[in-house]
Amino acid sequence: MNVWFVTGTDTDAGKTLVTSGLLYAARQQQLSTLGLKPIASGSQATSERLQNSDALALQYQSVPPVNYATVNPIAFAPAIAPHLAALEAGQPLEVSAMVSLLRETLTQTPRDITLIEGAGGWRVPLNAQEDFADLAIALELPVILVVGLKLGCLNHARLTAEAIRADGLVVAGWAGSVVDPAFTADSDRFEANIAHLNAKLAAPCLGIIPYLDAPDAENAAPYLSLEPL
């Protein structure tokens, strides 16, 4: 199976935009797809259950279709750190339980391309002892790093890549998403920043998504490529 874990340099770095864009691109190549967001905070109540907008975006790009619970088995209402939301809900999170659930999902739902999206960055806690990183480590997955392109991103990106590799995993590729349009105001400086990331991250670039007025999978996909994976 071709499965990758998607992490970001920070919250709102563009993980879901990149993940859904890559899945959309895969669909255009007639590949089967699955996007998973096992834990999501900031969810809204529906007639059936809590649902998260990022998870819904991944569900929409999963073909053949899957039900919402497959994509996002654990959802919390408050838009806060998952470990705090879990404590408030009386639903503690454990990596071992999540690994078992994800392995079952991957076995029962094999696809050409499967992307598992974390929450926030690499060290976002799941509980007092475990982070999202521990989930990727336990599953032994290659990692796609999404860099939110803004002032300060060079440091965030390099530190995250170093942490991923220090944890024994491979940075399979990185993608940039412009989250602050001012960061691209000077094209020469912007290109210099991208060149620095390419040199220092030492991983193939899957694409650079510009600041989009309508940030969705279809609009992001033309800027992304699956080929480096």
C-alpha atoms as a PDB file:
ATOM      1  CA  MET A   1       0.000   0.000   0.000  1.00  0.00           C
ATOM      2  CA  ASN A   2       1.108   3.553  -0.711  1.00  0.00           C
ATOM      3  CA  VAL A   3       0.452   5.368   2.552  1.00  0.00           C
ATOM      4  CA  TRP A   4       1.923   8.661   3.747  1.00  0.00           C
ATOM      5  CA  PHE A   5       1.523  10.706   6.925  1.00  0.00           C
ATOM      6  CA  VAL A   6       0.958  14.432   6.376  1.00  0.00           C
ATOM      7  CA  THR A   7       2.216  16.915   8.959  1.00  0.00           C
ATOM      8  CA  GLY A   8       2.700  20.664   8.936  1.00  0.00           C
ATOM      9  CA  THR A   9       4.997  23.329  10.247  1.00  0.00           C
ATOM     10  CA  ASP A  10       2.138  24.718  12.337  1.00  0.00           C
ATOM     11  CA  THR A  11      -1.614  24.927  12.680  1.00  0.00           C
ATOM     12  CA  ASP A  12      -3.200  26.362   9.523  1.00  0.00           C
ATOM     13  CA  ALA A  13      -0.089  25.640   7.449  1.00  0.00           C
ATOM     14  CA  GLY A  14      -2.254  24.257   4.637  1.00  0.00           C
ATOM     15  CA  LYS A  15      -2.194  20.526   5.436  1.00  0.00           C
ATOM     16  CA  THR A  16      -5.763  19.867   4.339  1.00  0.00           C
ATOM     17  CA  LEU A  17      -5.372  21.950   1.182  1.00  0.00           C
ATOM     18  CA  VAL A  18      -2.271  19.995   0.176  1.00  0.00           C
ATOM     19  CA  THR A  19      -3.717  16.633   1.231  1.00  0.00           C
ATOM     20  CA  SER A  20      -7.009  17.118  -0.600  1.00  0.00           C
ATOM     21  CA  GLY A  21      -5.175  18.591  -3.599  1.00  0.00           C
ATOM     22  CA  LEU A  22      -2.906  15.556  -3.876  1.00  0.00           C
ATOM     23  CA  LEU A  23      -5.904  13.235  -3.594  1.00  0.00           C
ATOM     24  CA  TYR A  24      -7.704  15.190  -6.313  1.00  0.00           C
ATOM     25  CA  ALA A  25      -4.619  14.945  -8.527  1.00  0.00           C
ATOM     26  CA  ALA A  26      -4.523  11.199  -7.932  1.00  0.00           C
ATOM     27  CA  ARG A  27      -8.178  10.905  -8.899  1.00  0.00           C
ATOM     28  CA  GLN A  28      -7.436  12.644 -12.210  1.00  0.00           C
ATOM     29  CA  GLN A  29      -4.984   9.806 -12.883  1.00  0.00           C
ATOM     30  CA  GLN A  30      -7.763   7.274 -12.247  1.00  0.00           C
ATOM     31  CA  LEU A  31      -6.153   6.159  -8.986  1.00  0.00           C
ATOM     32  CA  SER A  32      -8.178   5.068  -5.986  1.00  0.00           C
ATOM     33  CA  THR A  33      -7.792   7.386  -3.009  1.00  0.00           C
ATOM     34  CA  LEU A  34      -8.350   7.613   0.720  1.00  0.00           C
ATOM     35  CA  GLY A  35      -7.871  10.604   2.993  1.00  0.00           C
ATOM     36  CA  LEU A  36      -7.891  10.053   6.741  1.00  0.00           C
ATOM     37  CA  LYS A  37      -7.948  12.546   9.594  1.00  0.00           C
ATOM     38  CA  PRO A  38      -8.128  10.244  12.611  1.00  0.00           C
ATOM     39  CA  ILE A  39      -8.482  13.016  15.202  1.00  0.00           C
ATOM     40  CA  ALA A  40     -10.060  16.417  14.602  1.00  0.00           C
ATOM     41  CA  SER A  41     -10.818  19.348  16.867  1.00  0.00           C
ATOM     42  CA  GLY A  42     -13.067  22.194  15.857  1.00  0.00           C
ATOM     43  CA  SER A  43     -16.027  20.104  14.721  1.00  0.00           C
ATOM     44  CA  GLN A  44     -19.678  21.018  14.223  1.00  0.00           C
ATOM     45  CA  ALA A  45     -22.730  19.116  15.399  1.00  0.00           C
ATOM     46  CA  THR A  46     -24.860  17.488  12.691  1.00  0.00           C
ATOM     47  CA  SER A  47     -27.928  15.288  12.870  1.00  0.00           C
ATOM     48  CA  GLU A  48     -25.641  12.251  12.878  1.00  0.00           C
ATOM     49  CA  ARG A  49     -22.490  13.236  14.781  1.00  0.00           C
ATOM     50  CA  LEU A  50     -19.765  15.836  15.138  1.00  0.00           C
ATOM     51  CA  GLN A  51     -18.131  16.513  11.795  1.00  0.00           C
ATOM     52  CA  ASN A  52     -15.001  18.474  10.924  1.00  0.00           C
ATOM     53  CA  SER A  53     -14.705  20.547   7.737  1.00  0.00           C
ATOM     54  CA  ASP A  54     -11.160  19.327   7.008  1.00  0.00           C
ATOM     55  CA  ALA A  55     -12.242  15.713   7.375  1.00  0.00           C
ATOM     56  CA  LEU A  56     -15.219  16.338   5.089  1.00  0.00           C
ATOM     57  CA  ALA A  57     -12.832  17.698   2.449  1.00  0.00           C
ATOM     58  CA  LEU A  58     -10.795  14.489   2.664  1.00  0.00           C
ATOM     59  CA  GLN A  59     -13.909  12.332   2.572  1.00  0.00           C
ATOM     60  CA  TYR A  60     -15.004  14.080  -0.616  1.00  0.00           C
ATOM     61  CA  GLN A  61     -11.693  13.228  -2.286  1.00  0.00           C
ATOM     62  CA  SER A  62     -11.812   9.568  -1.213  1.00  0.00           C
ATOM     63  CA  VAL A  63     -12.806   7.329  -4.128  1.00  0.00           C
ATOM     64  CA  PRO A  64     -14.478   4.836  -3.967  1.00  0.00           C
ATOM     65  CA  PRO A  65     -16.571   6.656  -1.337  1.00  0.00           C
ATOM     66  CA  VAL A  66     -16.260   5.900   2.369  1.00  0.00           C
ATOM     67  CA  ASN A  67     -18.402   6.927   5.304  1.00  0.00           C
ATOM     68  CA  TYR A  68     -17.436   9.840   7.512  1.00  0.00           C
ATOM     69  CA  ALA A  69     -16.482   7.697  10.507  1.00  0.00           C
ATOM     70  CA  THR A  70     -13.843   5.937   8.407  1.00  0.00           C
ATOM     71  CA  VAL A  71     -12.162   9.251   7.629  1.00  0.00           C
ATOM     72  CA  ASN A  72     -12.556  10.818  11.065  1.00  0.00           C
ATOM     73  CA  PRO A  73     -13.348   8.359  13.856  1.00  0.00           C
ATOM     74  CA  ILE A  74     -12.640  10.862  16.652  1.00  0.00           C
ATOM     75  CA  ALA A  75     -14.024  14.405  16.547  1.00  0.00           C
ATOM     76  CA  PHE A  76     -14.163  17.080  19.227  1.00  0.00           C
ATOM     77  CA  ALA A  77     -16.198  20.281  19.183  1.00  0.00           C
ATOM     78  CA  PRO A  78     -13.759  22.850  20.629  1.00  0.00           C
ATOM     79  CA  ALA A  79     -11.114  24.209  18.271  1.00  0.00           C
ATOM     80  CA  ILE A  80      -8.336  23.544  20.768  1.00  0.00           C
ATOM     81  CA  ALA A  81      -5.391  21.179  21.115  1.00  0.00           C
ATOM     82  CA  PRO A  82      -6.654  17.576  20.733  1.00  0.00           C
ATOM     83  CA  HIS A  83      -5.288  16.398  24.089  1.00  0.00           C
ATOM     84  CA  LEU A  84      -7.174  19.166  25.901  1.00  0.00           C
ATOM     85  CA  ALA A  85     -10.355  18.514  23.913  1.00  0.00           C
ATOM     86  CA  ALA A  86     -10.046  14.815  24.737  1.00  0.00           C
ATOM     87  CA  LEU A  87      -9.663  15.529  28.454  1.00  0.00           C
ATOM     88  CA  GLU A  88     -12.675  17.837  28.465  1.00  0.00           C
ATOM     89  CA  ALA A  89     -14.728  15.195  26.648  1.00  0.00           C
ATOM     90  CA  GLY A  90     -13.588  12.429  29.009  1.00  0.00           C
ATOM     91  CA  GLN A  91     -12.225  10.561  25.998  1.00  0.00           C
ATOM     92  CA  PRO A  92      -8.476  10.104  26.519  1.00  0.00           C
ATOM     93  CA  LEU A  93      -6.374   9.462  23.434  1.00  0.00           C
ATOM     94  CA  GLU A  94      -3.830   6.647  23.196  1.00  0.00           C
ATOM     95  CA  VAL A  95      -1.481   5.930  20.317  1.00  0.00           C
ATOM     96  CA  SER A  96      -1.867   2.166  20.643  1.00  0.00           C
ATOM     97  CA  ALA A  97      -5.641   2.372  20.171  1.00  0.00           C
ATOM     98  CA  MET A  98      -5.301   4.743  17.228  1.00  0.00           C
ATOM     99  CA  VAL A  99      -2.689   2.515  15.576  1.00  0.00           C
ATOM    100  CA  SER A 100      -4.963  -0.527  15.855  1.00  0.00           C
ATOM    101  CA  LEU A 101      -7.870   1.427  14.381  1.00  0.00           C
ATOM    102  CA  LEU A 102      -5.811   2.807  11.499  1.00  0.00           C
ATOM    103  CA  ARG A 103      -4.256  -0.560  10.667  1.00  0.00           C
ATOM    104  CA  GLU A 104      -7.732  -2.056  10.477  1.00  0.00           C
ATOM    105  CA  THR A 105      -8.886   0.777   8.213  1.00  0.00           C
ATOM    106  CA  LEU A 106      -5.861   0.431   5.937  1.00  0.00           C
ATOM    107  CA  THR A 107      -6.388  -3.332   5.686  1.00  0.00           C
ATOM    108  CA  GLN A 108     -10.098  -3.058   4.968  1.00  0.00           C
ATOM    109  CA  THR A 109      -9.817  -0.067   2.630  1.00  0.00           C
ATOM    110  CA  PRO A 110      -6.748  -0.532   0.402  1.00  0.00           C
ATOM    111  CA  ARG A 111      -6.209   2.286  -2.076  1.00  0.00           C
ATOM    112  CA  ASP A 112      -3.588   3.369  -4.598  1.00  0.00           C
ATOM    113  CA  ILE A 113      -2.954   6.529  -2.566  1.00  0.00           C
ATOM    114  CA  THR A 114      -3.735   6.952   1.144  1.00  0.00           C
ATOM    115  CA  LEU A 115      -2.891  10.112   3.059  1.00  0.00           C
ATOM    116  CA  ILE A 116      -3.234  10.326   6.835  1.00  0.00           C
ATOM    117  CA  GLU A 117      -3.396  13.917   8.034  1.00  0.00           C
ATOM    118  CA  GLY A 118      -2.277  14.845  11.520  1.00  0.00           C
ATOM    119  CA  ALA A 119      -3.382  17.892  13.491  1.00  0.00           C
ATOM    120  CA  GLY A 120      -1.242  20.996  13.858  1.00  0.00           C
ATOM    121  CA  GLY A 121       2.474  20.222  13.777  1.00  0.00           C
ATOM    122  CA  TRP A 122       4.760  17.284  14.445  1.00  0.00           C
ATOM    123  CA  ARG A 123       4.852  17.620  18.233  1.00  0.00           C
ATOM    124  CA  VAL A 124       1.179  18.319  18.891  1.00  0.00           C
ATOM    125  CA  PRO A 125       0.357  16.236  21.992  1.00  0.00           C
ATOM    126  CA  LEU A 126      -2.178  13.440  22.129  1.00  0.00           C
ATOM    127  CA  ASN A 127      -1.804  12.994  25.870  1.00  0.00           C
ATOM    128  CA  ALA A 128       0.742  13.791  28.582  1.00  0.00           C
ATOM    129  CA  GLN A 129       3.285  11.329  27.156  1.00  0.00           C
ATOM    130  CA  GLU A 130       2.488  10.862  23.447  1.00  0.00           C
ATOM    131  CA  ASP A 131       2.443  13.133  20.392  1.00  0.00           C
ATOM    132  CA  PHE A 132       1.068  12.853  16.866  1.00  0.00           C
ATOM    133  CA  ALA A 133       4.638  12.004  15.930  1.00  0.00           C
ATOM    134  CA  ASP A 134       4.300   8.769  17.907  1.00  0.00           C
ATOM    135  CA  LEU A 135       1.382   7.775  15.690  1.00  0.00           C
ATOM    136  CA  ALA A 136       3.441   8.112  12.514  1.00  0.00           C
ATOM    137  CA  ILE A 137       6.395   6.376  14.173  1.00  0.00           C
ATOM    138  CA  ALA A 138       4.272   3.412  15.267  1.00  0.00           C
ATOM    139  CA  LEU A 139       2.887   3.039  11.746  1.00  0.00           C
ATOM    140  CA  GLU A 140       6.384   3.499  10.244  1.00  0.00           C
ATOM    141  CA  LEU A 141       5.089   5.855   7.586  1.00  0.00           C
ATOM    142  CA  PRO A 142       7.002   8.166   5.265  1.00  0.00           C
ATOM    143  CA  VAL A 143       6.073  11.782   5.920  1.00  0.00           C
ATOM    144  CA  ILE A 144       4.920  14.627   3.698  1.00  0.00           C
ATOM    145  CA  LEU A 145       5.775  17.988   5.251  1.00  0.00           C
ATOM    146  CA  VAL A 146       3.500  20.940   4.489  1.00  0.00           C
ATOM    147  CA  VAL A 147       5.220  24.288   4.940  1.00  0.00           C
ATOM    148  CA  GLY A 148       2.986  27.272   5.600  1.00  0.00           C
ATOM    149  CA  LEU A 149       4.808  29.919   3.577  1.00  0.00           C
ATOM    150  CA  LYS A 150       5.085  33.055   5.688  1.00  0.00           C
ATOM    151  CA  LEU A 151       7.709  34.949   7.611  1.00  0.00           C
ATOM    152  CA  GLY A 152       9.449  32.472   9.943  1.00  0.00           C
ATOM    153  CA  CYS A 153       8.720  29.398   7.833  1.00  0.00           C
ATOM    154  CA  LEU A 154      12.356  28.592   7.118  1.00  0.00           C
ATOM    155  CA  ASN A 155      13.097  27.931  10.760  1.00  0.00           C
ATOM    156  CA  HIS A 156       9.835  26.056  11.335  1.00  0.00           C
ATOM    157  CA  ALA A 157      10.344  23.877   8.267  1.00  0.00           C
ATOM    158  CA  ARG A 158      13.943  22.968   9.007  1.00  0.00           C
ATOM    159  CA  LEU A 159      13.257  22.165  12.667  1.00  0.00           C
ATOM    160  CA  THR A 160      10.271  19.997  11.737  1.00  0.00           C
ATOM    161  CA  ALA A 161      12.233  18.079   9.102  1.00  0.00           C
ATOM    162  CA  GLU A 162      15.071  17.551  11.582  1.00  0.00           C
ATOM    163  CA  ALA A 163      12.609  16.239  14.176  1.00  0.00           C
ATOM    164  CA  ILE A 164      11.010  13.833  11.688  1.00  0.00           C
ATOM    165  CA  ARG A 165      14.380  12.391  10.728  1.00  0.00           C
ATOM    166  CA  ALA A 166      15.542  12.265  14.363  1.00  0.00           C
ATOM    167  CA  ASP A 167      12.461  10.132  15.034  1.00  0.00           C
ATOM    168  CA  GLY A 168      13.668   7.648  12.429  1.00  0.00           C
ATOM    169  CA  LEU A 169      11.229   8.485   9.642  1.00  0.00           C
ATOM    170  CA  VAL A 170      11.732   9.621   6.061  1.00  0.00           C
ATOM    171  CA  VAL A 171      10.655  13.011   4.730  1.00  0.00           C
ATOM    172  CA  ALA A 172       9.229  11.707   1.463  1.00  0.00           C
ATOM    173  CA  GLY A 173       8.519  15.184   0.141  1.00  0.00           C
ATOM    174  CA  TRP A 174       7.429  18.676   1.064  1.00  0.00           C
ATOM    175  CA  ALA A 175       4.850  21.087  -0.296  1.00  0.00           C
ATOM    176  CA  GLY A 176       4.508  24.787   0.280  1.00  0.00           C
ATOM    177  CA  SER A 177       1.271  26.677   0.773  1.00  0.00           C
ATOM    178  CA  VAL A 178       1.281  30.461   0.785  1.00  0.00           C
ATOM    179  CA  VAL A 179      -0.683  31.470   3.876  1.00  0.00           C
ATOM    180  CA  ASP A 180       0.443  35.113   3.869  1.00  0.00           C
ATOM    181  CA  PRO A 181       0.303  36.803   0.454  1.00  0.00           C
ATOM    182  CA  ALA A 182       2.740  39.479   1.670  1.00  0.00           C
ATOM    183  CA  PHE A 183       5.416  36.755   1.757  1.00  0.00           C
ATOM    184  CA  THR A 184       5.368  36.646  -2.050  1.00  0.00           C
ATOM    185  CA  ALA A 185       5.326  40.415  -2.614  1.00  0.00           C
ATOM    186  CA  ASP A 186       8.981  40.428  -3.658  1.00  0.00           C
ATOM    187  CA  SER A 187       9.356  37.628  -6.197  1.00  0.00           C
ATOM    188  CA  ASP A 188      13.149  37.460  -5.963  1.00  0.00           C
ATOM    189  CA  ARG A 189      13.075  37.101  -2.197  1.00  0.00           C
ATOM    190  CA  PHE A 190      10.287  34.550  -2.426  1.00  0.00           C
ATOM    191  CA  GLU A 191      12.237  32.431  -4.919  1.00  0.00           C
ATOM    192  CA  ALA A 192      15.305  32.684  -2.677  1.00  0.00           C
ATOM    193  CA  ASN A 193      13.260  31.345   0.236  1.00  0.00           C
ATOM    194  CA  ILE A 194      11.974  28.426  -1.853  1.00  0.00           C
ATOM    195  CA  ALA A 195      15.522  27.666  -3.007  1.00  0.00           C
ATOM    196  CA  HIS A 196      16.668  27.632   0.621  1.00  0.00           C
ATOM    197  CA  LEU A 197      13.898  25.204   1.573  1.00  0.00           C
ATOM    198  CA  ASN A 198      14.736  22.917  -1.333  1.00  0.00           C
ATOM    199  CA  ALA A 199      18.378  22.869  -0.327  1.00  0.00           C
ATOM    200  CA  LYS A 200      17.910  22.429   3.408  1.00  0.00           C
ATOM    201  CA  LEU A 201      14.910  20.095   3.514  1.00  0.00           C
ATOM    202  CA  ALA A 202      16.731  17.659   1.213  1.00  0.00           C
ATOM    203  CA  ALA A 203      13.452  16.187  -0.005  1.00  0.00           C
ATOM    204  CA  PRO A 204      11.579  16.528  -3.289  1.00  0.00           C
ATOM    205  CA  CYS A 205       9.153  19.422  -3.581  1.00  0.00           C
ATOM    206  CA  LEU A 206       5.630  18.283  -4.438  1.00  0.00           C
ATOM    207  CA  GLY A 207       4.589  21.800  -5.367  1.00  0.00           C
ATOM    208  CA  ILE A 208       4.027  25.358  -4.216  1.00  0.00           C
ATOM    209  CA  ILE A 209       0.413  26.486  -3.859  1.00  0.00           C
ATOM    210  CA  PRO A 210      -0.031  30.248  -4.201  1.00  0.00           C
ATOM    211  CA  TYR A 211      -2.445  32.198  -2.051  1.00  0.00           C
ATOM    212  CA  LEU A 212      -5.856  31.159  -3.369  1.00  0.00           C
ATOM    213  CA  ASP A 213      -9.064  33.162  -3.162  1.00  0.00           C
ATOM    214  CA  ALA A 214     -10.923  29.828  -3.237  1.00  0.00           C
ATOM    215  CA  PRO A 215      -8.637  27.378  -1.417  1.00  0.00           C
ATOM    216  CA  ASP A 216      -9.991  23.979  -2.362  1.00  0.00           C
ATOM    217  CA  ALA A 217      -8.675  20.710  -3.756  1.00  0.00           C
ATOM    218  CA  GLU A 218      -9.552  21.408  -7.394  1.00  0.00           C
ATOM    219  CA  ASN A 219      -7.806  24.794  -7.371  1.00  0.00           C
ATOM    220  CA  ALA A 220      -4.764  23.484  -5.478  1.00  0.00           C
ATOM    221  CA  ALA A 221      -4.202  20.323  -7.541  1.00  0.00           C
ATOM    222  CA  PRO A 222      -2.653  22.014 -10.619  1.00  0.00           C
ATOM    223  CA  TYR A 223       0.210  23.235  -8.421  1.00  0.00           C
ATOM    224  CA  LEU A 224       0.962  19.781  -6.991  1.00  0.00           C
ATOM    225  CA  SER A 225       2.582  16.619  -8.312  1.00  0.00           C
ATOM    226  CA  LEU A 226       2.506  13.031  -7.125  1.00  0.00           C
ATOM    227  CA  GLU A 227       5.474  12.062  -9.272  1.00  0.00           C
ATOM    228  CA  PRO A 228       8.205  12.683  -6.632  1.00  0.00           C
ATOM    229  CA  LEU A 229       6.483  10.215  -4.288  1.00  0.00           C
END
